[in-house]
Amino acid sequence: MTLVKRHPANFNFLIDEIFNGFPAHWGKDQVQHHYAAAVNIHETTDGYHVELNVPGRNKEDFKVSIDNNLLTIAFEQKEAESKDYKTLRREFSFKSFKRSFTLDEKVNAEAIQAKYENGILKLYLPKKEAVKVAPKEIVIA
């Protein structure tokens, strides 16, 4: 992109900018940007709820893992190529991504649950049971 200084009273450049490359660049690959699925994290008294907005995928294509207290959620783009199937226009894509979150020491990593429904990958990270210490009276000697 080149910046060109224009006189503020000349509005024709606005029209040129709006229609520059229209529709010549439609459907062509643009600069690739790193994609990360949008995430919401909620806390309740029992645990944490992590939701990733990832519509149009299959649950089998996700990989959820824990390593060294790091929860990682990944999606690997898999495109089936066929000689009989030619894409003429692509306006949406399924880009690979990886999101990682450090687990709090309060999370029970052994009991994490995940499900995929209506385009949302939902993870439930339950909190560990609080260790209850019985009150102890100390006798003074």
Protein backbone atom coordinates (compact mmCIF):
# COMPACT_ATOMS: atom_id res chain seq x y z
CA MET A 1 0.00 0.00 0.00
CA THR A 2 1.34 3.43 -0.96
CA LEU A 3 0.36 6.62 0.78
CA VAL A 4 -0.19 9.57 -1.51
CA LYS A 5 -0.68 13.06 -0.16
CA ARG A 6 -3.82 14.61 -1.61
CA HIS A 7 -5.47 17.95 -1.28
CA PRO A 8 -8.25 17.71 1.35
CA ALA A 9 -10.79 19.33 -0.99
CA ASN A 10 -10.30 16.62 -3.66
CA PHE A 11 -12.86 13.91 -2.90
CA ASN A 12 -12.30 12.01 -6.14
CA PHE A 13 -9.45 10.12 -4.49
CA LEU A 14 -11.96 8.66 -2.02
CA ILE A 15 -13.93 7.09 -4.87
CA ASP A 16 -10.68 5.76 -6.35
CA GLU A 17 -9.64 4.26 -3.02
CA ILE A 18 -13.01 2.56 -2.48
CA PHE A 19 -13.07 0.98 -5.90
CA ASN A 20 -9.34 0.40 -6.26
CA GLY A 21 -9.01 -3.23 -7.23
CA PHE A 22 -12.77 -3.82 -7.16
CA PRO A 23 -13.59 -6.58 -8.10
CA ALA A 24 -10.17 -7.57 -9.45
CA HIS A 25 -8.90 -8.76 -6.04
CA TRP A 26 -12.03 -10.68 -5.06
CA GLY A 27 -11.37 -14.35 -4.56
CA LYS A 28 -7.60 -13.95 -4.74
CA ASP A 29 -5.33 -14.76 -1.85
CA GLN A 30 -4.52 -11.74 0.20
CA VAL A 31 -1.77 -11.38 2.76
CA GLN A 32 -2.01 -14.33 5.14
CA HIS A 33 -2.61 -13.32 8.74
CA HIS A 34 -2.21 -15.50 11.80
CA TYR A 35 -5.60 -16.86 12.74
CA ALA A 36 -6.61 -17.58 16.31
CA ALA A 37 -10.10 -18.71 17.20
CA ALA A 38 -12.03 -16.25 19.36
CA VAL A 39 -12.33 -17.48 22.94
CA ASN A 40 -14.52 -16.73 25.96
CA ILE A 41 -13.51 -17.86 29.45
CA HIS A 42 -16.01 -17.87 32.33
CA GLU A 43 -15.48 -18.80 35.97
CA THR A 44 -18.08 -20.40 38.24
CA THR A 45 -17.74 -21.68 41.77
CA ASP A 46 -17.20 -25.22 40.42
CA GLY A 47 -14.82 -24.54 37.54
CA TYR A 48 -13.91 -22.67 34.37
CA HIS A 49 -15.77 -22.73 31.05
CA VAL A 50 -13.73 -22.14 27.90
CA GLU A 51 -15.59 -21.58 24.62
CA LEU A 52 -13.95 -21.28 21.21
CA ASN A 53 -15.89 -19.93 18.23
CA VAL A 54 -14.96 -22.43 15.48
CA PRO A 55 -17.94 -23.05 13.18
CA GLY A 56 -17.95 -25.48 10.29
CA ARG A 57 -15.38 -27.90 11.63
CA ASN A 58 -15.55 -31.55 12.68
CA LYS A 59 -14.84 -32.49 16.28
CA GLU A 60 -12.35 -35.11 15.07
CA ASP A 61 -10.12 -32.34 13.64
CA PHE A 62 -9.45 -30.77 17.06
CA LYS A 63 -6.62 -31.79 19.33
CA VAL A 64 -6.84 -30.88 23.01
CA SER A 65 -3.85 -31.72 25.19
CA ILE A 66 -2.17 -30.87 28.48
CA ASP A 67 1.59 -30.80 28.86
CA ASN A 68 3.47 -29.26 31.79
CA ASN A 69 0.34 -27.48 33.06
CA LEU A 70 -0.29 -25.96 29.60
CA LEU A 71 -3.67 -26.62 27.99
CA THR A 72 -3.36 -26.53 24.20
CA ILE A 73 -6.26 -26.52 21.74
CA ALA A 74 -5.34 -26.96 18.09
CA PHE A 75 -7.11 -27.34 14.77
CA GLU A 76 -5.23 -28.58 11.74
CA GLN A 77 -6.59 -27.51 8.36
CA LYS A 78 -7.29 -30.52 6.20
CA GLU A 79 -8.36 -29.90 2.64
CA ALA A 80 -9.40 -32.75 0.45
CA GLU A 81 -8.09 -32.17 -3.03
CA SER A 82 -9.79 -33.74 -5.99
CA LYS A 83 -9.22 -33.54 -9.71
CA ASP A 84 -12.99 -33.64 -10.23
CA TYR A 85 -13.69 -30.81 -7.79
CA LYS A 86 -12.56 -27.30 -8.65
CA THR A 87 -13.20 -24.33 -6.35
CA LEU A 88 -14.21 -21.29 -8.39
CA ARG A 89 -14.62 -18.89 -5.49
CA ARG A 90 -13.63 -19.14 -1.83
CA GLU A 91 -14.88 -16.52 0.58
CA PHE A 92 -14.41 -18.44 3.80
CA SER A 93 -11.66 -20.72 4.90
CA PHE A 94 -10.70 -23.09 7.64
CA LYS A 95 -7.30 -22.00 8.85
CA SER A 96 -5.24 -24.00 11.28
CA PHE A 97 -4.77 -22.55 14.74
CA LYS A 98 -3.32 -23.31 18.13
CA ARG A 99 -4.31 -21.68 21.42
CA SER A 100 -2.55 -22.39 24.70
CA PHE A 101 -3.55 -21.53 28.26
CA THR A 102 -1.61 -22.00 31.48
CA LEU A 103 -3.70 -23.98 33.94
CA ASP A 104 -4.26 -22.59 37.39
CA GLU A 105 -3.21 -24.85 40.26
CA LYS A 106 -6.90 -24.95 41.24
CA VAL A 107 -7.85 -26.85 38.04
CA ASN A 108 -8.40 -30.61 38.21
CA ALA A 109 -6.64 -31.48 34.93
CA GLU A 110 -7.71 -35.15 35.17
CA ALA A 111 -11.41 -34.23 34.94
CA ILE A 112 -11.42 -31.75 32.02
CA GLN A 113 -14.31 -32.33 29.62
CA ALA A 114 -14.77 -31.13 26.02
CA LYS A 115 -17.65 -31.11 23.54
CA TYR A 116 -18.33 -29.49 20.19
CA GLU A 117 -21.83 -28.26 19.41
CA ASN A 118 -23.30 -25.61 17.12
CA GLY A 119 -19.88 -24.35 16.05
CA ILE A 120 -18.63 -23.80 19.59
CA LEU A 121 -15.90 -25.96 21.15
CA LYS A 122 -16.70 -26.03 24.87
CA LEU A 123 -14.29 -27.13 27.56
CA TYR A 124 -15.13 -27.52 31.22
CA LEU A 125 -12.19 -27.27 33.60
CA PRO A 126 -13.41 -28.28 37.06
CA LYS A 127 -11.75 -26.88 40.14
CA LYS A 128 -10.05 -29.22 42.60
CA GLU A 129 -11.87 -30.08 45.78
CA ALA A 130 -10.67 -27.78 48.50
CA VAL A 131 -8.65 -29.64 51.04
CA LYS A 132 -10.47 -29.14 54.30
CA VAL A 133 -8.28 -28.95 57.33
CA ALA A 134 -10.07 -29.74 60.54
CA PRO A 135 -9.61 -27.09 63.19
CA LYS A 136 -7.03 -28.14 65.69
CA GLU A 137 -6.68 -26.88 69.19
CA ILE A 138 -3.17 -26.52 70.46
CA VAL A 139 -2.64 -27.23 74.12
CA ILE A 140 -0.43 -24.80 75.95
CA ALA A 141 2.07 -26.57 78.20
